Amino acid sequence: MSKLGSIGARLHRGEVSYDFIGKRKIWFAVSIVLIVISLGALLAKGLALGIEFKGGVEYQAKVKITHNTVDDVTAAVKATNAKDLGDPVVTTIGNDQVRVQTKPLGQDDIVKVRAAIGKEVGVPTDQVSNQQIGASWGSQIANKAILALIVFLVLVFGVIWAYFREPKASMAAIIALVHDVFITVGVYALIGFDVTPATVIGVLTILGYSLYDTVVVFDKVRENTRGITGSNRYTYSDATNLAVNQTIVRSINTTLIALMPVGSILVVGTVVLGTGPLKDLSLALFVGIAVGAYSSIFIAPALLALFKEREPGMQALRRRVMAKRAQSGVAAGAPVPAGALAVGGSPSDRPRVQDVPKTASATAGTPTASSRPVRPTSGAGRPQPARKPRSKRGK
């Protein structure tokens, strides 16, 4: 077995354990810092909305792509000095097409830009197509995306509540999802990547990924906490921490496997292509998958434990557990054995037959103050009928 597999097996059995839940204040502080940075980036820089959201003019022309095509076309468009031109976005599509995006322009400026592009790439002006995109279409996309997000969150809350029969689990999952989306959007504002319909698709996709990982952890929490109030060995936080330790190797493995292809697409879209839907989609997926794995391990389970520990029954359980540990001298951070979370404790906690002390009252055939005389039994264990003394038996 590999070293990582051995560590995973020991984590699952509870032989080794890291106190994720006990250090939740650290994770919450890290998340607050990330959210503050994201909020600052949104307020200071805002989102770089693509042409689909803010409107503009898009030009396309068939050209023979060279190494300097993008730079040459960009310089030619800027040289037109069109009113409110701003910084044009020039990209290549495949090996034989160039695309230019500008802010909304007047009709005369549109003609000037078309002529400049045609002259630079060596094609007639009428072979340079242009399309005006209104901002109203982008606002419709934005409104529908927000509506889809709200509907998704409402459905997630209802499904998790129905599955786990626990509204606190739904609350923890929803907070983790909002946490993931906010940080992902903040990264877009910080880096300055364009927000396009592909970005919206990527953000909605990461919600499903993050939710899947969270549900896996919560399912293990439910398994570990089943009947926990009937014992006095472990608190709800202890059982939740064991669930995180039991699933962390799986979460890391699935996250790394998902990040490798997405990271490759991000490199290709950023370095090779320069811009386009691949870059917009892959950045949202890459950041969202990483942040979703973080929230599934450090945020959602900690929130669930925090909510549950406020219940009177769980508070009573914690007092019993702390009292027992104080009497036995067990360390607060001791590893939680996986089998010790069943109702009534683990098999090792139950008294064995040979451990029961033999007293005079427990000896077969010895009367006690509260019981009848016990007749001797045969090997089969059945009571035998009383027999007359040998001297009084009939011949």
Foldseek 3Di string as FASTA:
>chain_A
DDPLVVQLVCLLQLVDFDQLLVVLVVVVVVLVVLLVLLVVLCVPQNFQADCQQAWWKKKKAWAQDDPCLQVQLQVLLVVLVFPQFPRWDWFADPRTMIMITTHHGDPVSVQSSLCSNCVRRVHDSVRIDMDTHHNVSNVVLVVVLVVVVVVVLVVQQVVVCVVLVDSLLSVLLSVLLVSLLSSLSSVSSVVRAYADSLLSVLSVVLSVVLSVLLVQLVVQLCVLQVQQLLDQADASSLSSSSSLSNCVSVLVVVLVVQLVVLVVLCCCQCPVRNHDSSNSNSSSNNSSSVSSSSCSRNRSSSSSSVVVCPDPSRVVSNVSNVVVCVVVVDDPPRGDRSQQRPRPGHPVPDDDPVNDDDDQCNDQQRDDPPDDGHADDDPVRDHDDDDDPPVPDDD
